[in-house]
């Protein structure tokens, strides 16, 4: 009864998030997958002969005709693409983002409030979750690179992709549909459908195409402004839309004992559906670390590896959950995570927490949650950031069914 009640609340809240200030649209018929099968993403991608550089194929829209004979074989079952309620762009992306300088707006957010952090070639930008939860996509240009910054509240994941396909720049919108309870995007050049979680075209003319991703972790505002004092922060009062920014439309959604909204797959029973994990995929190897395995105290460093790649996972307390309380300030403290390549000058560094900072054993340099050395022999050195997802277990296991699962810390 508790789960049914929570699901009813989730449906109502999702409708609130999708529908505020938008026109109404007809929902598609929903289809339930067989209960004894697990939803997984087809990892064997067959790509048709690519078009000439600078040219995209012309044909029907997957927003309107998903089963067109002109499309390559879809990578996911069409009957598992389920309407979330709104029409395409009923959850409106931000196409003309306006930014404010961090240095002049240090107190614009509570230090614990979460933001999506993106830095390209010295251009650092923060996208507050108070805006992303209502818009899900920001089409932007950062460091001269056209990108789409995306956030899926139903799977609690942020991912950023270069919005160039075969040399053609495009923008992305929200399709209004979900796959495995996650955002399904569409590109505005061909209207193919793409999964937010891994940046692949799964239905339509571009099926099989893979976007290039750029790491964009969730950080507490206090950590972002410290790490990037010359950066910029998205001005949510200048989106062109009216929303109740700062209010969480998914109250209590990150309760691990509740069920994901409109999820038709079978949850891998190694963890609870909405248990928080840190997912890292390198090459053909994927590992999910439970948040409890890499967190604790003021800060924690986990020295480990994924496949043959050494990594260090840095965690620091002080970021509130965006999906817990009525606002993005008072949610439970889930902390901020950074995943980095620990190799500097051909030497693998090992790290330990020291208060809110981190110290490497080899040089005794002091490092921040953003992977920058701020004191010691390596001062000024920046570790290479590796892409990871702060997400829910059900989502990671859907896209990475062969993932290793780590419940205990691999080091400090």
Protein backbone atom coordinates (compact mmCIF):
# COMPACT_ATOMS: atom_id res chain seq x y z
CA UNK A 1 0.00 0.00 0.00
CA UNK A 2 2.88 2.36 0.78
CA UNK A 3 4.42 1.76 -2.65
CA UNK A 4 1.10 2.33 -4.41
CA UNK A 5 0.59 5.56 -2.53
CA UNK A 6 4.10 6.75 -3.35
CA UNK A 7 3.57 5.89 -7.03
CA UNK A 8 0.37 7.90 -7.09
CA UNK A 9 2.22 10.83 -5.57
CA UNK A 10 5.03 10.44 -8.12
CA UNK A 11 2.55 10.49 -11.00
CA UNK A 12 0.94 13.66 -9.68
CA UNK A 13 4.29 15.33 -9.10
CA UNK A 14 5.60 14.37 -12.52
CA UNK A 15 2.47 15.84 -14.09
CA UNK A 16 3.09 19.02 -12.13
CA UNK A 17 6.69 19.24 -13.33
CA UNK A 18 5.73 18.55 -16.94
CA UNK A 19 2.57 20.55 -17.19
CA UNK A 20 3.17 23.88 -15.50
CA UNK A 21 2.78 26.60 -18.05
CA UNK A 22 2.48 24.18 -21.00
CA UNK A 23 -0.32 23.23 -23.31
CA UNK A 24 -1.96 19.88 -22.74
CA UNK A 25 -1.29 16.95 -25.07
CA UNK A 26 -2.68 13.47 -25.57
CA UNK A 27 -0.76 10.73 -23.81
CA UNK A 28 0.24 7.71 -25.84
CA UNK A 29 -1.01 4.28 -24.90
CA UNK A 30 1.36 2.70 -22.42
CA UNK A 31 2.53 -0.87 -22.78
CA UNK A 32 3.85 -3.08 -20.02
CA UNK A 33 6.81 -5.32 -20.81
CA UNK A 34 6.56 -9.01 -19.80
CA UNK A 35 7.16 -9.19 -16.04
CA UNK A 36 9.77 -11.94 -16.33
CA UNK A 37 12.10 -9.99 -18.62
CA UNK A 38 14.64 -7.34 -17.76
CA UNK A 39 14.83 -4.18 -19.82
CA UNK A 40 18.32 -3.77 -21.23
CA UNK A 41 19.81 -1.59 -23.91
CA UNK A 42 21.10 -3.30 -27.02
CA UNK A 43 24.85 -2.83 -26.87
CA UNK A 44 25.42 -4.28 -30.36
CA UNK A 45 25.04 -1.22 -32.54
CA UNK A 46 24.74 -1.58 -36.30
CA UNK A 47 25.35 1.73 -38.03
CA UNK A 48 24.31 2.22 -41.62
CA UNK A 49 26.66 3.79 -44.16
CA UNK A 50 27.25 7.33 -42.86
CA UNK A 51 26.23 10.36 -44.86
CA UNK A 52 28.89 12.64 -46.28
CA UNK A 53 30.48 14.96 -43.75
CA UNK A 54 28.20 17.92 -43.07
CA UNK A 55 25.10 16.10 -44.32
CA UNK A 56 22.32 14.48 -42.30
CA UNK A 57 19.76 12.06 -43.73
CA UNK A 58 16.35 13.35 -44.72
CA UNK A 59 13.22 11.38 -43.93
CA UNK A 60 10.36 10.85 -41.50
CA UNK A 61 10.32 11.98 -37.89
CA UNK A 62 10.62 9.39 -35.13
CA UNK A 63 8.50 11.69 -32.97
CA UNK A 64 5.55 10.86 -35.23
CA UNK A 65 6.28 7.49 -36.86
CA UNK A 66 8.60 5.30 -34.82
CA UNK A 67 8.07 2.19 -36.96
CA UNK A 68 8.86 3.76 -40.33
CA UNK A 69 10.37 1.35 -42.87
CA UNK A 70 12.95 4.04 -43.64
CA UNK A 71 14.52 3.70 -40.19
CA UNK A 72 17.31 1.28 -39.24
CA UNK A 73 16.34 -1.41 -36.74
CA UNK A 74 15.60 0.35 -33.42
CA UNK A 75 17.99 -0.36 -30.54
CA UNK A 76 15.25 -0.58 -27.91
CA UNK A 77 11.75 -2.11 -28.02
CA UNK A 78 9.32 0.47 -29.39
CA UNK A 79 6.58 -0.60 -26.97
CA UNK A 80 8.85 0.30 -24.05
CA UNK A 81 9.00 3.97 -25.07
CA UNK A 82 6.22 5.28 -22.87
CA UNK A 83 4.55 8.66 -22.80
CA UNK A 84 5.34 10.67 -19.70
CA UNK A 85 2.36 12.94 -20.41
CA UNK A 86 3.61 16.14 -22.09
CA UNK A 87 4.01 16.65 -25.85
CA UNK A 88 7.46 17.22 -27.39
CA UNK A 89 9.11 20.15 -25.61
CA UNK A 90 6.20 20.29 -23.17
CA UNK A 91 9.09 20.24 -20.72
CA UNK A 92 10.79 23.18 -22.43
CA UNK A 93 14.56 23.13 -22.92
CA UNK A 94 16.47 26.35 -22.37
CA UNK A 95 17.71 27.38 -25.82
CA UNK A 96 18.99 30.85 -25.01
CA UNK A 97 20.60 30.55 -21.57
CA UNK A 98 21.60 33.70 -19.70
CA UNK A 99 24.45 33.62 -17.20
CA UNK A 100 25.70 35.63 -14.25
CA UNK A 101 29.32 35.93 -13.07
CA UNK A 102 30.03 33.73 -10.06
CA UNK A 103 32.32 36.31 -8.43
CA UNK A 104 29.48 38.83 -8.20
CA UNK A 105 26.85 36.30 -7.12
CA UNK A 106 28.51 34.14 -4.48
CA UNK A 107 25.36 34.01 -2.36
CA UNK A 108 22.84 33.55 -5.16
CA UNK A 109 22.34 29.95 -3.99
CA UNK A 110 22.67 28.17 -0.68
CA UNK A 111 26.15 26.53 -0.49
CA UNK A 112 24.56 23.05 -0.31
CA UNK A 113 22.31 23.49 -3.33
CA UNK A 114 23.20 21.14 -6.22
CA UNK A 115 24.35 22.32 -9.64
CA UNK A 116 25.52 20.58 -12.79
CA UNK A 117 29.15 21.62 -13.22
CA UNK A 118 30.71 21.89 -16.68
CA UNK A 119 34.14 23.22 -17.60
CA UNK A 120 35.59 23.30 -21.11
CA UNK A 121 38.88 25.00 -21.93
CA UNK A 122 38.65 27.31 -18.91
CA UNK A 123 34.98 28.20 -19.43
CA UNK A 124 33.20 26.95 -16.28
CA UNK A 125 29.44 27.05 -15.89
CA UNK A 126 26.99 25.98 -13.21
CA UNK A 127 23.46 24.89 -14.08
CA UNK A 128 21.38 24.89 -10.88
CA UNK A 129 19.19 21.84 -10.42
CA UNK A 130 16.42 24.24 -9.36
CA UNK A 131 16.24 25.09 -13.09
CA UNK A 132 17.25 21.74 -14.59
CA UNK A 133 14.48 19.86 -12.78
CA UNK A 134 11.92 21.95 -14.72
CA UNK A 135 13.70 22.09 -18.11
CA UNK A 136 15.95 18.99 -18.29
CA UNK A 137 18.00 20.27 -21.26
CA UNK A 138 20.07 23.41 -21.80
CA UNK A 139 21.44 23.96 -25.31
CA UNK A 140 24.56 26.03 -24.81
CA UNK A 141 28.03 26.88 -26.16
CA UNK A 142 30.80 26.37 -23.61
CA UNK A 143 34.45 26.98 -24.39
CA UNK A 144 33.42 27.39 -28.01
CA UNK A 145 31.87 23.89 -28.06
CA UNK A 146 28.13 23.48 -28.76
CA UNK A 147 26.72 21.26 -26.00
CA UNK A 148 23.47 19.98 -24.59
CA UNK A 149 23.52 19.79 -20.80
CA UNK A 150 20.89 17.30 -19.68
CA UNK A 151 19.41 16.24 -16.35
CA UNK A 152 16.88 13.48 -15.74
CA UNK A 153 15.17 13.86 -12.36
CA UNK A 154 13.54 10.42 -12.57
CA UNK A 155 16.95 8.73 -12.62
CA UNK A 156 18.85 11.52 -10.85
CA UNK A 157 21.53 11.79 -13.53
CA UNK A 158 23.31 14.63 -15.31
CA UNK A 159 25.01 14.10 -18.67
CA UNK A 160 26.45 16.53 -21.22
CA UNK A 161 26.97 15.88 -24.93
CA UNK A 162 28.49 17.74 -27.85
CA UNK A 163 25.48 18.59 -30.02
CA UNK A 164 27.21 18.03 -33.33
CA UNK A 165 26.27 15.10 -35.55
CA UNK A 166 28.39 14.29 -38.59
CA UNK A 167 29.75 17.82 -38.49
CA UNK A 168 26.27 19.36 -38.32
CA UNK A 169 25.33 21.42 -35.27
CA UNK A 170 21.85 20.85 -33.89
CA UNK A 171 19.93 21.28 -30.66
CA UNK A 172 18.06 18.78 -28.53
CA UNK A 173 14.54 18.81 -27.15
CA UNK A 174 12.47 16.67 -24.80
CA UNK A 175 10.32 14.10 -26.59
CA UNK A 176 7.74 13.83 -23.81
CA UNK A 177 8.46 10.09 -23.60
CA UNK A 178 10.45 7.88 -21.26
CA UNK A 179 12.47 4.72 -21.71
CA UNK A 180 13.18 2.75 -18.53
CA UNK A 181 11.91 5.77 -16.56
CA UNK A 182 14.51 8.05 -18.14
CA UNK A 183 14.44 11.08 -20.41
CA UNK A 184 14.18 10.41 -24.14
CA UNK A 185 15.56 13.34 -26.15
CA UNK A 186 15.20 14.18 -29.82
CA UNK A 187 17.50 16.09 -32.13
CA UNK A 188 15.87 18.95 -34.00
CA UNK A 189 17.70 18.22 -37.25
CA UNK A 190 16.19 14.78 -37.99
CA UNK A 191 13.86 14.24 -35.00
CA UNK A 192 15.50 10.93 -34.14
CA UNK A 193 15.07 9.71 -30.56
CA UNK A 194 18.05 9.54 -28.19
CA UNK A 195 18.52 8.11 -24.70
CA UNK A 196 19.75 10.72 -22.24
CA UNK A 197 21.63 8.18 -20.19
CA UNK A 198 24.19 7.20 -22.85
CA UNK A 199 23.72 9.71 -25.69
CA UNK A 200 22.76 7.21 -28.40
CA UNK A 201 20.17 7.52 -31.13
CA UNK A 202 17.90 4.53 -30.60
CA UNK A 203 15.01 5.17 -33.01
CA UNK A 204 14.90 7.13 -36.27
CA UNK A 205 17.14 8.09 -39.15
CA UNK A 206 20.26 8.41 -36.97
CA UNK A 207 19.82 5.12 -35.08
CA UNK A 208 23.19 3.90 -33.82
CA UNK A 209 24.84 7.31 -33.79
CA UNK A 210 26.76 8.06 -30.60
CA UNK A 211 27.23 11.56 -29.19
CA UNK A 212 30.52 12.54 -27.59
CA UNK A 213 30.11 13.08 -23.87
CA UNK A 214 31.83 15.58 -21.58
CA UNK A 215 32.03 15.01 -17.81
CA UNK A 216 29.53 17.19 -15.93
CA UNK A 217 29.19 16.10 -12.30
CA UNK A 218 26.72 17.28 -9.72
CA UNK A 219 28.45 19.62 -7.27
CA UNK A 220 27.34 21.65 -4.29
CA UNK A 221 27.20 25.34 -5.17
CA UNK A 222 29.69 26.10 -2.40
CA UNK A 223 32.23 23.77 -4.02
CA UNK A 224 31.59 25.13 -7.50
CA UNK A 225 32.08 28.75 -6.54
CA UNK A 226 35.31 27.86 -4.70
CA UNK A 227 36.69 25.83 -7.61
CA UNK A 228 35.58 28.20 -10.37
CA UNK A 229 35.49 31.77 -8.98
CA UNK A 230 35.71 33.23 -12.50
CA UNK A 231 32.96 30.95 -13.81
CA UNK A 232 29.31 31.66 -14.60
CA UNK A 233 26.01 30.47 -13.22
CA UNK A 234 22.77 30.05 -15.17
CA UNK A 235 20.25 32.79 -14.38
CA UNK A 236 17.03 30.86 -13.81
CA UNK A 237 15.02 34.09 -13.75
CA UNK A 238 15.83 34.58 -17.46
CA UNK A 239 14.69 31.29 -18.98
CA UNK A 240 11.72 32.70 -20.84
CA UNK A 241 9.40 30.50 -18.77
CA UNK A 242 7.63 30.82 -15.43
CA UNK A 243 8.28 27.97 -13.02
CA UNK A 244 8.37 27.56 -9.26
CA UNK A 245 12.18 27.48 -9.25
CA UNK A 246 13.61 26.22 -5.99
CA UNK A 247 10.64 23.95 -5.25
CA UNK A 248 11.13 20.24 -5.73
CA UNK A 249 8.25 18.70 -7.73
CA UNK A 250 9.50 15.20 -6.84
CA UNK A 251 9.25 15.30 -3.03
CA UNK A 252 10.53 12.08 -1.50
CA UNK A 253 11.40 10.58 -4.88
CA UNK A 254 14.88 9.44 -3.85
CA UNK A 255 13.49 7.10 -1.18
CA UNK A 256 15.27 3.83 -2.12
CA UNK A 257 12.30 1.76 -0.97
CA UNK A 258 9.91 3.28 -3.53
CA UNK A 259 9.45 2.28 -7.16
CA UNK A 260 10.63 4.26 -10.22
CA UNK A 261 7.93 6.08 -12.18
CA UNK A 262 6.72 4.10 -15.24
CA UNK A 263 9.60 1.63 -15.07
CA UNK A 264 8.68 -1.56 -16.95
CA UNK A 265 11.87 -3.55 -16.49
CA UNK A 266 12.97 -5.93 -13.78
CA UNK A 267 15.27 -4.45 -11.17
CA UNK A 268 18.61 -6.21 -10.74
CA UNK A 269 18.25 -7.61 -7.22
CA UNK A 270 21.79 -6.76 -6.12
CA UNK A 271 20.44 -3.46 -4.78
CA UNK A 272 17.21 -1.57 -4.23
CA UNK A 273 15.79 0.16 -7.31
CA UNK A 274 16.53 3.70 -6.20
CA UNK A 275 19.67 3.09 -4.21
CA UNK A 276 22.17 5.80 -5.11
CA UNK A 277 25.23 4.63 -7.01
CA UNK A 278 28.27 6.18 -8.65
CA UNK A 279 28.48 4.58 -12.08
CA UNK A 280 31.75 4.53 -14.04
CA UNK A 281 32.11 2.96 -17.50
CA UNK A 282 35.51 2.79 -19.20
CA UNK A 283 35.74 0.91 -22.46
CA UNK A 284 33.78 -2.32 -22.11
CA UNK A 285 33.99 -2.35 -18.32
CA UNK A 286 31.38 -0.81 -16.03
CA UNK A 287 31.31 -0.58 -12.25
CA UNK A 288 28.67 0.77 -9.90
CA UNK A 289 29.80 1.86 -6.44
CA UNK A 290 27.07 2.39 -3.88
CA UNK A 291 27.14 5.87 -2.42
CA UNK A 292 27.74 4.29 0.98
CA UNK A 293 30.86 2.58 -0.37
CA UNK A 294 32.57 5.83 -1.30
CA UNK A 295 31.26 8.28 1.30
CA UNK A 296 31.63 8.99 5.00
CA UNK A 297 32.71 11.70 7.42
CA UNK A 298 33.65 15.08 5.98
CA UNK A 299 35.35 13.59 2.93
CA UNK A 300 36.58 10.29 1.58
CA UNK A 301 38.93 9.10 -1.16
CA UNK A 302 38.55 5.71 -2.81
CA UNK A 303 41.58 4.48 -4.77
CA UNK A 304 40.49 1.74 -7.14
CA UNK A 305 40.28 0.81 -10.81
CA UNK A 306 37.73 0.09 -13.53
CA UNK A 307 39.15 -2.48 -15.93
CA UNK A 308 42.78 -1.55 -16.48
CA UNK A 309 42.20 2.12 -15.66
CA UNK A 310 43.22 3.32 -12.19
CA UNK A 311 40.74 5.83 -10.82
CA UNK A 312 40.21 7.82 -7.66
CA UNK A 313 36.73 8.66 -6.42
CA UNK A 314 36.62 11.77 -4.25
CA UNK A 315 33.55 12.41 -2.09
CA UNK A 316 32.87 15.43 0.05
CA UNK A 317 29.90 16.14 2.30
CA UNK A 318 27.78 19.23 1.79
CA UNK A 319 25.46 18.73 -1.20
CA UNK A 320 21.74 18.37 -0.52
CA UNK A 321 19.55 15.94 -2.42
CA UNK A 322 17.46 17.68 -5.08
CA UNK A 323 14.75 15.00 -4.88
CA UNK A 324 14.11 14.72 -1.16
CA UNK A 325 12.52 17.70 0.57
CA UNK A 326 10.16 20.38 -0.70
CA UNK A 327 13.11 22.44 -1.92
CA UNK A 328 16.67 21.91 -3.13
CA UNK A 329 18.18 23.30 0.08
CA UNK A 330 16.85 21.16 2.91
CA UNK A 331 17.22 17.70 1.37
CA UNK A 332 19.41 15.07 2.97
CA UNK A 333 23.16 15.52 2.58
CA UNK A 334 24.30 13.17 -0.20
CA UNK A 335 27.62 14.90 -0.80
CA UNK A 336 29.47 15.62 -4.06
CA UNK A 337 31.46 13.11 -6.10
CA UNK A 338 34.38 13.56 -8.48
CA UNK A 339 36.00 10.72 -10.45
CA UNK A 340 39.52 11.26 -11.78
CA UNK A 341 42.49 9.66 -13.46
CA UNK A 342 45.10 9.71 -10.64
CA UNK A 343 48.12 9.51 -12.95
CA UNK A 344 50.39 12.58 -12.85
CA UNK A 345 53.77 12.56 -14.63
CA UNK A 346 53.43 8.80 -15.23
CA UNK A 347 52.96 8.12 -11.52
CA UNK A 348 49.74 6.76 -10.02
CA UNK A 349 48.92 8.91 -7.01
CA UNK A 350 47.01 7.52 -4.06
CA UNK A 351 44.78 9.80 -2.04
CA UNK A 352 43.40 10.10 1.48
CA UNK A 353 40.94 12.55 2.98
CA UNK A 354 42.22 15.30 5.26
CA UNK A 355 39.24 17.17 6.68
CA UNK A 356 37.37 18.57 3.68
CA UNK A 357 40.43 18.22 1.45
CA UNK A 358 42.48 15.37 0.01
CA UNK A 359 46.19 14.64 0.19
CA UNK A 360 48.21 12.38 -2.08
CA UNK A 361 50.70 10.01 -0.44
CA UNK A 362 53.43 10.57 -3.02
CA UNK A 363 53.93 14.37 -2.76
CA UNK A 364 51.70 15.42 0.18
CA UNK A 365 49.99 17.95 -2.08
CA UNK A 366 46.51 19.11 -1.08
CA UNK A 367 43.60 18.67 -3.52
CA UNK A 368 39.97 19.83 -3.80
CA UNK A 369 36.82 17.88 -4.68
CA UNK A 370 37.28 19.24 -8.23
CA UNK A 371 40.62 17.47 -8.60
CA UNK A 372 42.85 20.54 -8.39
CA UNK A 373 46.01 20.68 -6.28
CA UNK A 374 45.96 23.90 -4.27
CA UNK A 375 49.02 23.40 -2.08
CA UNK A 376 52.26 21.44 -2.13
CA UNK A 377 54.68 20.41 -4.89
CA UNK A 378 51.86 19.75 -7.38
CA UNK A 379 50.00 23.01 -6.70
CA UNK A 380 48.18 24.12 -9.85
CA UNK A 381 47.93 20.59 -11.26
CA UNK A 382 44.51 19.47 -12.44
CA UNK A 383 43.60 15.79 -12.51
CA UNK A 384 41.83 14.58 -15.64
CA UNK A 385 38.16 14.25 -14.85
CA UNK A 386 36.53 10.98 -15.88
CA UNK A 387 32.87 10.76 -16.80
CA UNK A 388 30.61 9.21 -14.20
CA UNK A 389 26.95 9.27 -13.30
CA UNK A 390 25.44 9.93 -9.89
CA UNK A 391 22.27 7.97 -10.44
CA UNK A 392 19.83 5.34 -9.20
CA UNK A 393 20.68 1.64 -9.38
CA UNK A 394 17.73 0.68 -11.61
CA UNK A 395 18.86 3.11 -14.30
CA UNK A 396 22.54 2.14 -14.24
CA UNK A 397 21.74 -1.60 -14.28
CA UNK A 398 19.37 -1.13 -17.22
CA UNK A 399 22.05 0.43 -19.40
CA UNK A 400 24.95 -1.58 -17.94
CA UNK A 401 23.45 -5.02 -17.19
CA UNK A 402 26.92 -6.62 -16.91
CA UNK A 403 28.16 -4.03 -14.43
CA UNK A 404 30.28 -4.94 -11.44
CA UNK A 405 28.59 -3.92 -8.19
CA UNK A 406 30.70 -2.62 -5.29
CA UNK A 407 29.15 -2.30 -1.84
CA UNK A 408 32.32 -1.80 0.18
CA UNK A 409 34.95 0.88 -0.18
CA UNK A 410 38.03 0.05 -2.22
CA UNK A 411 40.28 2.37 -0.22
CA UNK A 412 40.64 5.69 1.48
